[in-house]
Amino acid sequence: MTEVLIPLIVFSSIFGIAYVFLNTRNKERLSLIEKGADASLFATKKNHRSNLTLKFGMLAVGIGIGILIASLLESYTVLDEEVAYPSMIFLFGGMFLVANAMIEKKDRVDQE
């Protein structure tokens, strides 16, 4: 029974937090608009937004390569599975996130 309850509780908690956050943000915005605040206050600056698709894509590729390298290390060396997989996943995931940061920095410099 706990196999069903734990995921149910986790997902309902995430949904509840997201609902409360979005509902509160909406009420705050409506309250500010009623008081006469400028609507441009809510606009996001597109110059400082990062490309989330590129970031998550590079992270996924890094994790995939980390799993592949960890599998090779476990098969062909004396490195244990418990050490190989987490270390390679974090190493390659982090390397691809650093590469993503460099790409975004280069794009920001090119736009200016």
PDB file of N, CA and C in Angstrom:
ATOM      1  N   MET A   1       0.822  -1.198   0.000  1.00  0.00           N
ATOM      2  CA  MET A   1       0.000   0.000   0.000  1.00  0.00           C
ATOM      3  C   MET A   1       0.865   1.260   0.000  1.00  0.00           C
ATOM      4  N   THR A   2       2.019   1.196   0.678  1.00  0.00           N
ATOM      5  CA  THR A   2       2.865   2.380   0.727  1.00  0.00           C
ATOM      6  C   THR A   2       3.501   2.682  -0.631  1.00  0.00           C
ATOM      7  N   GLU A   3       3.598   1.645  -1.502  1.00  0.00           N
ATOM      8  CA  GLU A   3       4.150   1.883  -2.836  1.00  0.00           C
ATOM      9  C   GLU A   3       3.263   2.823  -3.640  1.00  0.00           C
ATOM     10  N   VAL A   4       1.985   2.850  -3.317  1.00  0.00           N
ATOM     11  CA  VAL A   4       1.037   3.714  -4.019  1.00  0.00           C
ATOM     12  C   VAL A   4       0.944   5.062  -3.319  1.00  0.00           C
ATOM     13  N   LEU A   5       0.980   5.061  -2.007  1.00  0.00           N
ATOM     14  CA  LEU A   5       0.777   6.296  -1.258  1.00  0.00           C
ATOM     15  C   LEU A   5       1.925   7.285  -1.395  1.00  0.00           C
ATOM     16  N   ILE A   6       3.149   6.804  -1.403  1.00  0.00           N
ATOM     17  CA  ILE A   6       4.292   7.720  -1.453  1.00  0.00           C
ATOM     18  C   ILE A   6       4.306   8.547  -2.740  1.00  0.00           C
ATOM     19  N   PRO A   7       4.220   7.948  -3.938  1.00  0.00           N
ATOM     20  CA  PRO A   7       4.184   8.793  -5.145  1.00  0.00           C
ATOM     21  C   PRO A   7       2.958   9.706  -5.186  1.00  0.00           C
ATOM     22  N   LEU A   8       1.822   9.207  -4.681  1.00  0.00           N
ATOM     23  CA  LEU A   8       0.614  10.027  -4.653  1.00  0.00           C
ATOM     24  C   LEU A   8       0.813  11.262  -3.775  1.00  0.00           C
ATOM     25  N   ILE A   9       1.402  11.078  -2.621  1.00  0.00           N
ATOM     26  CA  ILE A   9       1.660  12.196  -1.712  1.00  0.00           C
ATOM     27  C   ILE A   9       2.669  13.169  -2.318  1.00  0.00           C
ATOM     28  N   VAL A  10       3.717  12.651  -2.951  1.00  0.00           N
ATOM     29  CA  VAL A  10       4.735  13.516  -3.555  1.00  0.00           C
ATOM     30  C   VAL A  10       4.131  14.367  -4.667  1.00  0.00           C
ATOM     31  N   PHE A  11       3.403  13.731  -5.590  1.00  0.00           N
ATOM     32  CA  PHE A  11       2.829  14.484  -6.696  1.00  0.00           C
ATOM     33  C   PHE A  11       1.739  15.447  -6.249  1.00  0.00           C
ATOM     34  N   SER A  12       0.941  15.063  -5.269  1.00  0.00           N
ATOM     35  CA  SER A  12      -0.084  15.981  -4.783  1.00  0.00           C
ATOM     36  C   SER A  12       0.551  17.160  -4.045  1.00  0.00           C
ATOM     37  N   SER A  13       1.650  16.937  -3.359  1.00  0.00           N
ATOM     38  CA  SER A  13       2.349  18.040  -2.691  1.00  0.00           C
ATOM     39  C   SER A  13       2.926  19.014  -3.710  1.00  0.00           C
ATOM     40  N   ILE A  14       3.532  18.484  -4.764  1.00  0.00           N
ATOM     41  CA  ILE A  14       4.076  19.354  -5.816  1.00  0.00           C
ATOM     42  C   ILE A  14       2.955  20.149  -6.471  1.00  0.00           C
ATOM     43  N   PHE A  15       1.849  19.496  -6.781  1.00  0.00           N
ATOM     44  CA  PHE A  15       0.708  20.197  -7.378  1.00  0.00           C
ATOM     45  C   PHE A  15       0.177  21.269  -6.440  1.00  0.00           C
ATOM     46  N   GLY A  16       0.057  20.944  -5.148  1.00  0.00           N
ATOM     47  CA  GLY A  16      -0.455  21.909  -4.183  1.00  0.00           C
ATOM     48  C   GLY A  16       0.438  23.136  -4.059  1.00  0.00           C
ATOM     49  N   ILE A  17       1.742  22.930  -4.028  1.00  0.00           N
ATOM     50  CA  ILE A  17       2.676  24.062  -3.933  1.00  0.00           C
ATOM     51  C   ILE A  17       2.594  24.922  -5.187  1.00  0.00           C
ATOM     52  N   ALA A  18       2.550  24.288  -6.353  1.00  0.00           N
ATOM     53  CA  ALA A  18       2.444  25.053  -7.606  1.00  0.00           C
ATOM     54  C   ALA A  18       1.139  25.824  -7.656  1.00  0.00           C
ATOM     55  N   TYR A  19       0.037  25.209  -7.221  1.00  0.00           N
ATOM     56  CA  TYR A  19      -1.261  25.877  -7.242  1.00  0.00           C
ATOM     57  C   TYR A  19      -1.269  27.091  -6.325  1.00  0.00           C
ATOM     58  N   VAL A  20      -0.775  26.925  -5.119  1.00  0.00           N
ATOM     59  CA  VAL A  20      -0.744  28.045  -4.169  1.00  0.00           C
ATOM     60  C   VAL A  20       0.138  29.170  -4.707  1.00  0.00           C
ATOM     61  N   PHE A  21       1.298  28.828  -5.273  1.00  0.00           N
ATOM     62  CA  PHE A  21       2.199  29.844  -5.816  1.00  0.00           C
ATOM     63  C   PHE A  21       1.523  30.632  -6.936  1.00  0.00           C
ATOM     64  N   LEU A  22       0.946  29.926  -7.903  1.00  0.00           N
ATOM     65  CA  LEU A  22       0.326  30.608  -9.043  1.00  0.00           C
ATOM     66  C   LEU A  22      -0.906  31.391  -8.623  1.00  0.00           C
ATOM     67  N   ASN A  23      -1.685  30.862  -7.714  1.00  0.00           N
ATOM     68  CA  ASN A  23      -2.880  31.558  -7.259  1.00  0.00           C
ATOM     69  C   ASN A  23      -2.514  32.833  -6.500  1.00  0.00           C
ATOM     70  N   THR A  24      -1.514  32.756  -5.647  1.00  0.00           N
ATOM     71  CA  THR A  24      -1.063  33.929  -4.888  1.00  0.00           C
ATOM     72  C   THR A  24      -0.490  34.991  -5.814  1.00  0.00           C
ATOM     73  N   ARG A  25       0.305  34.563  -6.803  1.00  0.00           N
ATOM     74  CA  ARG A  25       0.881  35.514  -7.756  1.00  0.00           C
ATOM     75  C   ARG A  25      -0.215  36.222  -8.541  1.00  0.00           C
ATOM     76  N   ASN A  26      -1.246  35.476  -8.939  1.00  0.00           N
ATOM     77  CA  ASN A  26      -2.345  36.068  -9.683  1.00  0.00           C
ATOM     78  C   ASN A  26      -3.087  37.101  -8.831  1.00  0.00           C
ATOM     79  N   LYS A  27      -3.347  36.772  -7.554  1.00  0.00           N
ATOM     80  CA  LYS A  27      -4.033  37.712  -6.661  1.00  0.00           C
ATOM     81  C   LYS A  27      -3.207  38.975  -6.436  1.00  0.00           C
ATOM     82  N   GLU A  28      -1.898  38.821  -6.287  1.00  0.00           N
ATOM     83  CA  GLU A  28      -1.036  39.989  -6.109  1.00  0.00           C
ATOM     84  C   GLU A  28      -1.081  40.895  -7.327  1.00  0.00           C
ATOM     85  N   ARG A  29      -1.030  40.308  -8.501  1.00  0.00           N
ATOM     86  CA  ARG A  29      -1.055  41.095  -9.733  1.00  0.00           C
ATOM     87  C   ARG A  29      -2.383  41.802  -9.902  1.00  0.00           C
ATOM     88  N   LEU A  30      -3.477  41.108  -9.640  1.00  0.00           N
ATOM     89  CA  LEU A  30      -4.789  41.747  -9.747  1.00  0.00           C
ATOM     90  C   LEU A  30      -4.923  42.890  -8.758  1.00  0.00           C
ATOM     91  N   SER A  31      -4.411  42.708  -7.550  1.00  0.00           N
ATOM     92  CA  SER A  31      -4.454  43.763  -6.538  1.00  0.00           C
ATOM     93  C   SER A  31      -3.654  44.984  -6.981  1.00  0.00           C
ATOM     94  N   LEU A  32      -2.478  44.762  -7.557  1.00  0.00           N
ATOM     95  CA  LEU A  32      -1.668  45.893  -8.030  1.00  0.00           C
ATOM     96  C   LEU A  32      -2.338  46.609  -9.198  1.00  0.00           C
ATOM     97  N   ILE A  33      -2.966  45.858 -10.078  1.00  0.00           N
ATOM     98  CA  ILE A  33      -3.649  46.474 -11.219  1.00  0.00           C
ATOM     99  C   ILE A  33      -4.838  47.292 -10.737  1.00  0.00           C
ATOM    100  N   GLU A  34      -5.571  46.780  -9.739  1.00  0.00           N
ATOM    101  CA  GLU A  34      -6.702  47.529  -9.188  1.00  0.00           C
ATOM    102  C   GLU A  34      -6.248  48.832  -8.543  1.00  0.00           C
ATOM    103  N   LYS A  35      -5.053  48.848  -7.984  1.00  0.00           N
ATOM    104  CA  LYS A  35      -4.537  50.060  -7.353  1.00  0.00           C
ATOM    105  C   LYS A  35      -3.925  51.019  -8.365  1.00  0.00           C
ATOM    106  N   GLY A  36      -3.846  50.607  -9.638  1.00  0.00           N
ATOM    107  CA  GLY A  36      -3.364  51.495 -10.677  1.00  0.00           C
ATOM    108  C   GLY A  36      -1.904  51.323 -11.037  1.00  0.00           C
ATOM    109  N   ALA A  37      -1.314  50.225 -10.688  1.00  0.00           N
ATOM    110  CA  ALA A  37       0.084  49.973 -11.041  1.00  0.00           C
ATOM    111  C   ALA A  37       0.197  49.725 -12.538  1.00  0.00           C
ATOM    112  N   ASP A  38       1.346  50.027 -13.093  1.00  0.00           N
ATOM    113  CA  ASP A  38       1.591  49.844 -14.521  1.00  0.00           C
ATOM    114  C   ASP A  38       1.737  48.360 -14.836  1.00  0.00           C
ATOM    115  N   ALA A  39       1.129  47.914 -15.938  1.00  0.00           N
ATOM    116  CA  ALA A  39       1.177  46.501 -16.312  1.00  0.00           C
ATOM    117  C   ALA A  39       2.567  46.084 -16.780  1.00  0.00           C
ATOM    118  N   SER A  40       3.407  47.023 -17.187  1.00  0.00           N
ATOM    119  CA  SER A  40       4.763  46.677 -17.627  1.00  0.00           C
ATOM    120  C   SER A  40       5.610  46.164 -16.469  1.00  0.00           C
ATOM    121  N   LEU A  41       5.122  46.316 -15.261  1.00  0.00           N
ATOM    122  CA  LEU A  41       5.804  45.808 -14.077  1.00  0.00           C
ATOM    123  C   LEU A  41       5.939  44.286 -14.121  1.00  0.00           C
ATOM    124  N   PHE A  42       5.013  43.623 -14.810  1.00  0.00           N
ATOM    125  CA  PHE A  42       4.992  42.167 -14.858  1.00  0.00           C
ATOM    126  C   PHE A  42       5.733  41.594 -16.046  1.00  0.00           C
ATOM    127  N   ALA A  43       6.169  42.420 -16.956  1.00  0.00           N
ATOM    128  CA  ALA A  43       6.857  41.925 -18.155  1.00  0.00           C
ATOM    129  C   ALA A  43       8.235  41.387 -17.769  1.00  0.00           C
ATOM    130  N   THR A  44       8.608  40.279 -18.381  1.00  0.00           N
ATOM    131  CA  THR A  44       9.932  39.706 -18.124  1.00  0.00           C
ATOM    132  C   THR A  44      10.921  40.274 -19.131  1.00  0.00           C
ATOM    133  N   LYS A  45      12.138  40.410 -18.703  1.00  0.00           N
ATOM    134  CA  LYS A  45      13.183  40.900 -19.588  1.00  0.00           C
ATOM    135  C   LYS A  45      13.723  39.732 -20.392  1.00  0.00           C
ATOM    136  N   LYS A  46      13.579  39.792 -21.695  1.00  0.00           N
ATOM    137  CA  LYS A  46      14.015  38.682 -22.534  1.00  0.00           C
ATOM    138  C   LYS A  46      15.525  38.661 -22.721  1.00  0.00           C
ATOM    139  N   ASN A  47      16.198  39.745 -22.460  1.00  0.00           N
ATOM    140  CA  ASN A  47      17.649  39.777 -22.636  1.00  0.00           C
ATOM    141  C   ASN A  47      18.371  38.913 -21.608  1.00  0.00           C
ATOM    142  N   HIS A  48      17.773  38.755 -20.431  1.00  0.00           N
ATOM    143  CA  HIS A  48      18.449  38.036 -19.355  1.00  0.00           C
ATOM    144  C   HIS A  48      17.915  36.619 -19.153  1.00  0.00           C
ATOM    145  N   ARG A  49      16.984  36.205 -19.997  1.00  0.00           N
ATOM    146  CA  ARG A  49      16.456  34.848 -19.879  1.00  0.00           C
ATOM    147  C   ARG A  49      17.395  33.875 -20.565  1.00  0.00           C
ATOM    148  N   SER A  50      17.615  32.775 -19.914  1.00  0.00           N
ATOM    149  CA  SER A  50      18.450  31.748 -20.525  1.00  0.00           C
ATOM    150  C   SER A  50      17.566  30.829 -21.352  1.00  0.00           C
ATOM    151  N   ASN A  51      18.174  30.148 -22.285  1.00  0.00           N
ATOM    152  CA  ASN A  51      17.456  29.221 -23.133  1.00  0.00           C
ATOM    153  C   ASN A  51      17.330  27.893 -22.385  1.00  0.00           C
ATOM    154  N   LEU A  52      16.164  27.662 -21.775  1.00  0.00           N
ATOM    155  CA  LEU A  52      15.977  26.480 -20.945  1.00  0.00           C
ATOM    156  C   LEU A  52      16.023  25.195 -21.756  1.00  0.00           C
ATOM    157  N   THR A  53      15.554  25.234 -22.991  1.00  0.00           N
ATOM    158  CA  THR A  53      15.581  24.038 -23.816  1.00  0.00           C
ATOM    159  C   THR A  53      17.014  23.596 -24.068  1.00  0.00           C
ATOM    160  N   LEU A  54      17.878  24.539 -24.393  1.00  0.00           N
ATOM    161  CA  LEU A  54      19.289  24.214 -24.601  1.00  0.00           C
ATOM    162  C   LEU A  54      19.910  23.695 -23.317  1.00  0.00           C
ATOM    163  N   LYS A  55      19.595  24.332 -22.196  1.00  0.00           N
ATOM    164  CA  LYS A  55      20.177  23.922 -20.906  1.00  0.00           C
ATOM    165  C   LYS A  55      19.759  22.508 -20.544  1.00  0.00           C
ATOM    166  N   PHE A  56      18.463  22.204 -20.617  1.00  0.00           N
ATOM    167  CA  PHE A  56      18.007  20.859 -20.268  1.00  0.00           C
ATOM    168  C   PHE A  56      18.479  19.823 -21.278  1.00  0.00           C
ATOM    169  N   GLY A  57      18.554  20.203 -22.539  1.00  0.00           N
ATOM    170  CA  GLY A  57      19.060  19.284 -23.551  1.00  0.00           C
ATOM    171  C   GLY A  57      20.513  18.930 -23.317  1.00  0.00           C
ATOM    172  N   MET A  58      21.324  19.935 -23.021  1.00  0.00           N
ATOM    173  CA  MET A  58      22.739  19.664 -22.763  1.00  0.00           C
ATOM    174  C   MET A  58      22.916  18.863 -21.479  1.00  0.00           C
ATOM    175  N   LEU A  59      22.094  19.135 -20.466  1.00  0.00           N
ATOM    176  CA  LEU A  59      22.166  18.356 -19.230  1.00  0.00           C
ATOM    177  C   LEU A  59      21.795  16.896 -19.494  1.00  0.00           C
ATOM    178  N   ALA A  60      20.751  16.666 -20.289  1.00  0.00           N
ATOM    179  CA  ALA A  60      20.337  15.297 -20.596  1.00  0.00           C
ATOM    180  C   ALA A  60      21.422  14.559 -21.381  1.00  0.00           C
ATOM    181  N   VAL A  61      22.037  15.236 -22.331  1.00  0.00           N
ATOM    182  CA  VAL A  61      23.124  14.611 -23.092  1.00  0.00           C
ATOM    183  C   VAL A  61      24.297  14.297 -22.165  1.00  0.00           C
ATOM    184  N   GLY A  62      24.618  15.217 -21.268  1.00  0.00           N
ATOM    185  CA  GLY A  62      25.704  14.984 -20.313  1.00  0.00           C
ATOM    186  C   GLY A  62      25.420  13.806 -19.403  1.00  0.00           C
ATOM    187  N   ILE A  63      24.186  13.686 -18.926  1.00  0.00           N
ATOM    188  CA  ILE A  63      23.825  12.560 -18.066  1.00  0.00           C
ATOM    189  C   ILE A  63      23.892  11.259 -18.864  1.00  0.00           C
ATOM    190  N   GLY A  64      23.416  11.278 -20.104  1.00  0.00           N
ATOM    191  CA  GLY A  64      23.475  10.079 -20.942  1.00  0.00           C
ATOM    192  C   GLY A  64      24.896   9.627 -21.196  1.00  0.00           C
ATOM    193  N   ILE A  65      25.767  10.571 -21.513  1.00  0.00           N
ATOM    194  CA  ILE A  65      27.168  10.221 -21.735  1.00  0.00           C
ATOM    195  C   ILE A  65      27.802   9.737 -20.429  1.00  0.00           C
ATOM    196  N   GLY A  66      27.425  10.351 -19.307  1.00  0.00           N
ATOM    197  CA  GLY A  66      27.935   9.906 -18.012  1.00  0.00           C
ATOM    198  C   GLY A  66      27.540   8.480 -17.702  1.00  0.00           C
ATOM    199  N   ILE A  67      26.293   8.105 -18.011  1.00  0.00           N
ATOM    200  CA  ILE A  67      25.845   6.727 -17.783  1.00  0.00           C
ATOM    201  C   ILE A  67      26.613   5.762 -18.692  1.00  0.00           C
ATOM    202  N   LEU A  68      26.808   6.169 -19.938  1.00  0.00           N
ATOM    203  CA  LEU A  68      27.551   5.320 -20.877  1.00  0.00           C
ATOM    204  C   LEU A  68      28.991   5.103 -20.416  1.00  0.00           C
ATOM    205  N   ILE A  69      29.668   6.163 -20.041  1.00  0.00           N
ATOM    206  CA  ILE A  69      31.058   6.060 -19.585  1.00  0.00           C
ATOM    207  C   ILE A  69      31.131   5.249 -18.289  1.00  0.00           C
ATOM    208  N   ALA A  70      30.156   5.454 -17.390  1.00  0.00           N
ATOM    209  CA  ALA A  70      30.145   4.689 -16.138  1.00  0.00           C
ATOM    210  C   ALA A  70      29.973   3.206 -16.413  1.00  0.00           C
ATOM    211  N   SER A  71      29.124   2.873 -17.368  1.00  0.00           N
ATOM    212  CA  SER A  71      28.941   1.466 -17.726  1.00  0.00           C
ATOM    213  C   SER A  71      30.239   0.865 -18.270  1.00  0.00           C
ATOM    214  N   LEU A  72      30.927   1.633 -19.111  1.00  0.00           N
ATOM    215  CA  LEU A  72      32.206   1.155 -19.643  1.00  0.00           C
ATOM    216  C   LEU A  72      33.248   1.007 -18.535  1.00  0.00           C
ATOM    217  N   LEU A  73      33.298   1.976 -17.612  1.00  0.00           N
ATOM    218  CA  LEU A  73      34.253   1.897 -16.508  1.00  0.00           C
ATOM    219  C   LEU A  73      33.964   0.702 -15.606  1.00  0.00           C
ATOM    220  N   GLU A  74      32.688   0.451 -15.362  1.00  0.00           N
ATOM    221  CA  GLU A  74      32.337  -0.684 -14.508  1.00  0.00           C
ATOM    222  C   GLU A  74      32.694  -2.003 -15.179  1.00  0.00           C
ATOM    223  N   SER A  75      32.502  -2.094 -16.485  1.00  0.00           N
ATOM    224  CA  SER A  75      32.756  -3.351 -17.201  1.00  0.00           C
ATOM    225  C   SER A  75      34.240  -3.638 -17.382  1.00  0.00           C
ATOM    226  N   TYR A  76      35.020  -2.610 -17.676  1.00  0.00           N
ATOM    227  CA  TYR A  76      36.402  -2.835 -18.088  1.00  0.00           C
ATOM    228  C   TYR A  76      37.456  -2.436 -17.057  1.00  0.00           C
ATOM    229  N   THR A  77      37.035  -1.923 -15.912  1.00  0.00           N
ATOM    230  CA  THR A  77      37.995  -1.582 -14.860  1.00  0.00           C
ATOM    231  C   THR A  77      37.532  -2.211 -13.553  1.00  0.00           C
ATOM    232  N   VAL A  78      38.275  -1.972 -12.507  1.00  0.00           N
ATOM    233  CA  VAL A  78      37.914  -2.506 -11.197  1.00  0.00           C
ATOM    234  C   VAL A  78      37.032  -1.532 -10.411  1.00  0.00           C
ATOM    235  N   LEU A  79      36.589  -0.443 -11.050  1.00  0.00           N
ATOM    236  CA  LEU A  79      35.752   0.555 -10.387  1.00  0.00           C
ATOM    237  C   LEU A  79      34.370  -0.027 -10.102  1.00  0.00           C
ATOM    238  N   ASP A  80      33.892   0.128  -8.876  1.00  0.00           N
ATOM    239  CA  ASP A  80      32.590  -0.407  -8.477  1.00  0.00           C
ATOM    240  C   ASP A  80      31.452   0.383  -9.117  1.00  0.00           C
ATOM    241  N   GLU A  81      30.315  -0.280  -9.242  1.00  0.00           N
ATOM    242  CA  GLU A  81      29.118   0.350  -9.815  1.00  0.00           C
ATOM    243  C   GLU A  81      28.651   1.527  -8.964  1.00  0.00           C
ATOM    244  N   GLU A  82      28.751   1.388  -7.634  1.00  0.00           N
ATOM    245  CA  GLU A  82      28.281   2.434  -6.724  1.00  0.00           C
ATOM    246  C   GLU A  82      29.100   3.711  -6.836  1.00  0.00           C
ATOM    247  N   VAL A  83      30.306   3.607  -7.317  1.00  0.00           N
ATOM    248  CA  VAL A  83      31.175   4.768  -7.485  1.00  0.00           C
ATOM    249  C   VAL A  83      31.102   5.297  -8.911  1.00  0.00           C
ATOM    250  N   ALA A  84      31.081   4.406  -9.876  1.00  0.00           N
ATOM    251  CA  ALA A  84      31.169   4.793 -11.285  1.00  0.00           C
ATOM    252  C   ALA A  84      29.960   5.613 -11.734  1.00  0.00           C
ATOM    253  N   TYR A  85      28.764   5.141 -11.464  1.00  0.00           N
ATOM    254  CA  TYR A  85      27.580   5.801 -11.995  1.00  0.00           C
ATOM    255  C   TYR A  85      27.355   7.215 -11.438  1.00  0.00           C
ATOM    256  N   PRO A  86      27.299   7.404 -10.115  1.00  0.00           N
ATOM    257  CA  PRO A  86      27.079   8.780  -9.632  1.00  0.00           C
ATOM    258  C   PRO A  86      28.193   9.743 -10.035  1.00  0.00           C
ATOM    259  N   SER A  87      29.434   9.275  -9.970  1.00  0.00           N
ATOM    260  CA  SER A  87      30.538  10.188 -10.279  1.00  0.00           C
ATOM    261  C   SER A  87      30.516  10.621 -11.738  1.00  0.00           C
ATOM    262  N   MET A  88      30.275   9.690 -12.642  1.00  0.00           N
ATOM    263  CA  MET A  88      30.268  10.035 -14.069  1.00  0.00           C
ATOM    264  C   MET A  88      29.037  10.861 -14.444  1.00  0.00           C
ATOM    265  N   ILE A  89      27.892  10.562 -13.829  1.00  0.00           N
ATOM    266  CA  ILE A  89      26.688  11.348 -14.116  1.00  0.00           C
ATOM    267  C   ILE A  89      26.903  12.791 -13.681  1.00  0.00           C
ATOM    268  N   PHE A  90      27.401  13.003 -12.465  1.00  0.00           N
ATOM    269  CA  PHE A  90      27.635  14.365 -11.991  1.00  0.00           C
ATOM    270  C   PHE A  90      28.748  15.052 -12.772  1.00  0.00           C
ATOM    271  N   LEU A  91      29.796  14.326 -13.090  1.00  0.00           N
ATOM    272  CA  LEU A  91      30.916  14.908 -13.823  1.00  0.00           C
ATOM    273  C   LEU A  91      30.480  15.388 -15.207  1.00  0.00           C
ATOM    274  N   PHE A  92      29.855  14.515 -15.980  1.00  0.00           N
ATOM    275  CA  PHE A  92      29.469  14.900 -17.335  1.00  0.00           C
ATOM    276  C   PHE A  92      28.276  15.853 -17.346  1.00  0.00           C
ATOM    277  N   GLY A  93      27.325  15.672 -16.431  1.00  0.00           N
ATOM    278  CA  GLY A  93      26.221  16.624 -16.330  1.00  0.00           C
ATOM    279  C   GLY A  93      26.733  18.025 -16.014  1.00  0.00           C
ATOM    280  N   GLY A  94      27.664  18.120 -15.069  1.00  0.00           N
ATOM    281  CA  GLY A  94      28.251  19.413 -14.720  1.00  0.00           C
ATOM    282  C   GLY A  94      29.071  20.014 -15.843  1.00  0.00           C
ATOM    283  N   MET A  95      29.823  19.166 -16.547  1.00  0.00           N
ATOM    284  CA  MET A  95      30.618  19.682 -17.673  1.00  0.00           C
ATOM    285  C   MET A  95      29.726  20.273 -18.758  1.00  0.00           C
ATOM    286  N   PHE A  96      28.605  19.612 -19.049  1.00  0.00           N
ATOM    287  CA  PHE A  96      27.718  20.131 -20.078  1.00  0.00           C
ATOM    288  C   PHE A  96      26.995  21.388 -19.608  1.00  0.00           C
ATOM    289  N   LEU A  97      26.700  21.524 -18.316  1.00  0.00           N
ATOM    290  CA  LEU A  97      26.115  22.764 -17.815  1.00  0.00           C
ATOM    291  C   LEU A  97      27.113  23.914 -17.875  1.00  0.00           C
ATOM    292  N   VAL A  98      28.384  23.637 -17.611  1.00  0.00           N
ATOM    293  CA  VAL A  98      29.416  24.666 -17.745  1.00  0.00           C
ATOM    294  C   VAL A  98      29.544  25.075 -19.211  1.00  0.00           C
ATOM    295  N   ALA A  99      29.511  24.101 -20.117  1.00  0.00           N
ATOM    296  CA  ALA A  99      29.556  24.414 -21.550  1.00  0.00           C
ATOM    297  C   ALA A  99      28.350  25.250 -21.955  1.00  0.00           C
ATOM    298  N   ASN A 100      27.184  24.943 -21.388  1.00  0.00           N
ATOM    299  CA  ASN A 100      25.985  25.736 -21.674  1.00  0.00           C
ATOM    300  C   ASN A 100      26.151  27.174 -21.192  1.00  0.00           C
ATOM    301  N   ALA A 101      26.738  27.355 -20.019  1.00  0.00           N
ATOM    302  CA  ALA A 101      26.953  28.703 -19.496  1.00  0.00           C
ATOM    303  C   ALA A 101      27.895  29.490 -20.414  1.00  0.00           C
ATOM    304  N   MET A 102      28.906  28.823 -20.949  1.00  0.00           N
ATOM    305  CA  MET A 102      29.820  29.506 -21.871  1.00  0.00           C
ATOM    306  C   MET A 102      29.111  29.895 -23.162  1.00  0.00           C
ATOM    307  N   ILE A 103      28.253  29.027 -23.670  1.00  0.00           N
ATOM    308  CA  ILE A 103      27.502  29.331 -24.894  1.00  0.00           C
ATOM    309  C   ILE A 103      26.569  30.506 -24.654  1.00  0.00           C
ATOM    310  N   GLU A 104      25.863  30.510 -23.524  1.00  0.00           N
ATOM    311  CA  GLU A 104      24.949  31.617 -23.217  1.00  0.00           C
ATOM    312  C   GLU A 104      25.719  32.921 -23.020  1.00  0.00           C
ATOM    313  N   LYS A 105      26.895  32.855 -22.407  1.00  0.00           N
ATOM    314  CA  LYS A 105      27.698  34.071 -22.211  1.00  0.00           C
ATOM    315  C   LYS A 105      28.141  34.619 -23.562  1.00  0.00           C
ATOM    316  N   LYS A 106      28.548  33.730 -24.459  1.00  0.00           N
ATOM    317  CA  LYS A 106      28.961  34.151 -25.790  1.00  0.00           C
ATOM    318  C   LYS A 106      27.792  34.774 -26.556  1.00  0.00           C
ATOM    319  N   ASP A 107      26.602  34.187 -26.414  1.00  0.00           N
ATOM    320  CA  ASP A 107      25.424  34.748 -27.070  1.00  0.00           C
ATOM    321  C   ASP A 107      25.076  36.126 -26.522  1.00  0.00           C
ATOM    322  N   ARG A 108      25.200  36.314 -25.192  1.00  0.00           N
ATOM    323  CA  ARG A 108      24.918  37.626 -24.607  1.00  0.00           C
ATOM    324  C   ARG A 108      25.895  38.665 -25.088  1.00  0.00           C
ATOM    325  N   VAL A 109      27.164  38.302 -25.219  1.00  0.00           N
ATOM    326  CA  VAL A 109      28.181  39.236 -25.702  1.00  0.00           C
ATOM    327  C   VAL A 109      27.912  39.592 -27.160  1.00  0.00           C
ATOM    328  N   ASP A 110      27.512  38.597 -27.955  1.00  0.00           N
ATOM    329  CA  ASP A 110      27.221  38.838 -29.366  1.00  0.00           C
ATOM    330  C   ASP A 110      26.004  39.713 -29.557  1.00  0.00           C
ATOM    331  N   GLN A 111      25.013  39.648 -28.642  1.00  0.00           N
ATOM    332  CA  GLN A 111      23.799  40.453 -28.764  1.00  0.00           C
ATOM    333  C   GLN A 111      24.051  41.915 -28.402  1.00  0.00           C
ATOM    334  N   GLU A 112      25.040  42.167 -27.589  1.00  0.00           N
ATOM    335  CA  GLU A 112      25.291  43.553 -27.146  1.00  0.00           C
ATOM    336  C   GLU A 112      26.063  44.334 -28.150  1.00  0.00           C
TER     337      GLU A 112
END
